[in-house]
């Protein structure tokens, strides 16, 4: 069910993803992925990720999942990264687009 919610979130369908994740956590409270995704939906991205960020120019084969994995250490943080950047539909990332990535730029 959590993977179904990932697909929904990738397409910007937060309401249906929330419903699926709430059912998944009710059925299996130990489902870490479902809990983490639900936490991202409920979180204020600016508060959660902080005010320090660097600008990143999206490359041709990038996705928010790939960027989240590279700079945040978890590909499933794509949704809070989308919220941090006011991106309603995470699958609509375009090459050349400049986004904020929380933290300090790597050396």
Protein backbone atom coordinates (compact mmCIF):
# COMPACT_ATOMS: atom_id res chain seq x y z
CA UNK A 1 0.00 0.00 0.00
CA UNK A 2 2.86 2.38 0.77
CA UNK A 3 4.23 1.91 -2.75
CA UNK A 4 0.79 2.75 -4.14
CA UNK A 5 0.91 5.95 -2.07
CA UNK A 6 4.36 6.76 -3.51
CA UNK A 7 2.85 6.65 -7.01
CA UNK A 8 -0.01 8.88 -5.91
CA UNK A 9 2.36 11.39 -4.32
CA UNK A 10 4.64 11.38 -7.38
CA UNK A 11 1.62 12.56 -9.36
CA UNK A 12 0.57 15.17 -6.82
CA UNK A 13 -2.45 13.29 -5.49
CA UNK A 14 -1.94 14.01 -1.80
CA UNK A 15 -5.54 13.40 -0.69
CA UNK A 16 -5.72 9.85 -2.04
CA UNK A 17 -2.17 9.11 -0.84
CA UNK A 18 -3.12 10.24 2.67
CA UNK A 19 -6.13 7.89 2.66
CA UNK A 20 -4.02 4.94 1.49
CA UNK A 21 -1.29 5.68 4.04
CA UNK A 22 -3.74 6.01 6.91
CA UNK A 23 -5.18 2.60 6.00
CA UNK A 24 -1.69 1.12 5.68
CA UNK A 25 -0.61 2.39 9.12
CA UNK A 26 -3.87 1.20 10.68
CA UNK A 27 -3.32 -2.29 9.26
CA UNK A 28 0.41 -2.34 10.07
CA UNK A 29 1.62 0.25 12.60
CA UNK A 30 5.21 -0.96 12.05
CA UNK A 31 5.14 0.06 8.36
CA UNK A 32 8.00 2.59 8.46
CA UNK A 33 7.60 3.77 4.87
CA UNK A 34 3.89 4.47 5.32
CA UNK A 35 4.55 6.37 8.56
CA UNK A 36 7.40 8.40 7.03
CA UNK A 37 5.32 9.35 3.99
CA UNK A 38 2.35 10.29 6.16
CA UNK A 39 4.65 12.42 8.33
CA UNK A 40 5.85 14.24 5.20
CA UNK A 41 2.28 14.99 4.16
CA UNK A 42 1.48 16.41 7.59
CA UNK A 43 4.76 18.32 8.03
CA UNK A 44 5.48 21.95 7.32
CA UNK A 45 8.39 21.56 4.89
CA UNK A 46 10.05 24.86 5.80
CA UNK A 47 10.05 24.02 9.50
CA UNK A 48 11.07 20.40 8.96
CA UNK A 49 13.90 21.04 6.49
CA UNK A 50 15.10 24.39 7.81
CA UNK A 51 15.99 27.75 6.35
CA UNK A 52 19.47 26.81 5.14
CA UNK A 53 19.51 25.60 1.54
CA UNK A 54 21.45 25.71 -1.68
CA UNK A 55 20.19 26.11 -5.19
CA UNK A 56 20.37 23.14 -7.53
CA UNK A 57 19.78 23.18 -11.28
CA UNK A 58 17.84 20.11 -12.37
CA UNK A 59 19.67 17.97 -14.94
CA UNK A 60 18.10 16.01 -17.79
CA UNK A 61 17.67 12.66 -16.00
CA UNK A 62 16.95 14.02 -12.52
CA UNK A 63 13.88 13.33 -10.43
CA UNK A 64 13.03 14.61 -6.99
CA UNK A 65 13.57 11.06 -5.71
CA UNK A 66 17.08 11.00 -7.16
CA UNK A 67 17.89 14.45 -5.76
CA UNK A 68 16.46 13.49 -2.35
CA UNK A 69 18.61 10.34 -2.32
CA UNK A 70 21.76 12.20 -3.31
CA UNK A 71 21.46 15.19 -0.96
CA UNK A 72 19.10 14.02 1.80
CA UNK A 73 20.03 10.33 1.97
CA UNK A 74 16.49 9.02 1.38
CA UNK A 75 14.75 8.79 -1.98
CA UNK A 76 11.37 8.70 -0.28
CA UNK A 77 11.86 12.28 0.96
CA UNK A 78 10.96 13.42 -2.55
CA UNK A 79 7.57 14.60 -1.37
CA UNK A 80 8.75 16.91 1.40
CA UNK A 81 11.37 18.23 -1.04
CA UNK A 82 8.55 18.98 -3.48
CA UNK A 83 6.62 20.79 -0.74
CA UNK A 84 9.79 22.72 0.19
CA UNK A 85 9.86 23.99 -3.39
CA UNK A 86 6.10 24.51 -3.82
CA UNK A 87 6.00 21.81 -6.52
CA UNK A 88 2.45 20.45 -6.65
CA UNK A 89 3.27 17.51 -8.93
CA UNK A 90 6.70 15.99 -8.25
CA UNK A 91 6.71 14.14 -11.58
CA UNK A 92 6.66 17.47 -13.44
CA UNK A 93 10.31 18.36 -12.82
CA UNK A 94 12.02 19.98 -15.82
CA UNK A 95 15.68 20.09 -16.81
CA UNK A 96 17.03 23.57 -16.13
CA UNK A 97 14.58 24.20 -13.31
CA UNK A 98 16.27 25.59 -10.20
CA UNK A 99 15.14 24.17 -6.86
CA UNK A 100 16.15 24.60 -3.24
CA UNK A 101 17.84 21.67 -1.53
CA UNK A 102 17.99 21.81 2.28
CA UNK A 103 21.39 22.00 3.91
CA UNK A 104 24.71 23.28 2.67
CA UNK A 105 26.01 22.68 -0.83
CA UNK A 106 28.51 19.85 -1.06
CA UNK A 107 32.14 20.90 -1.52
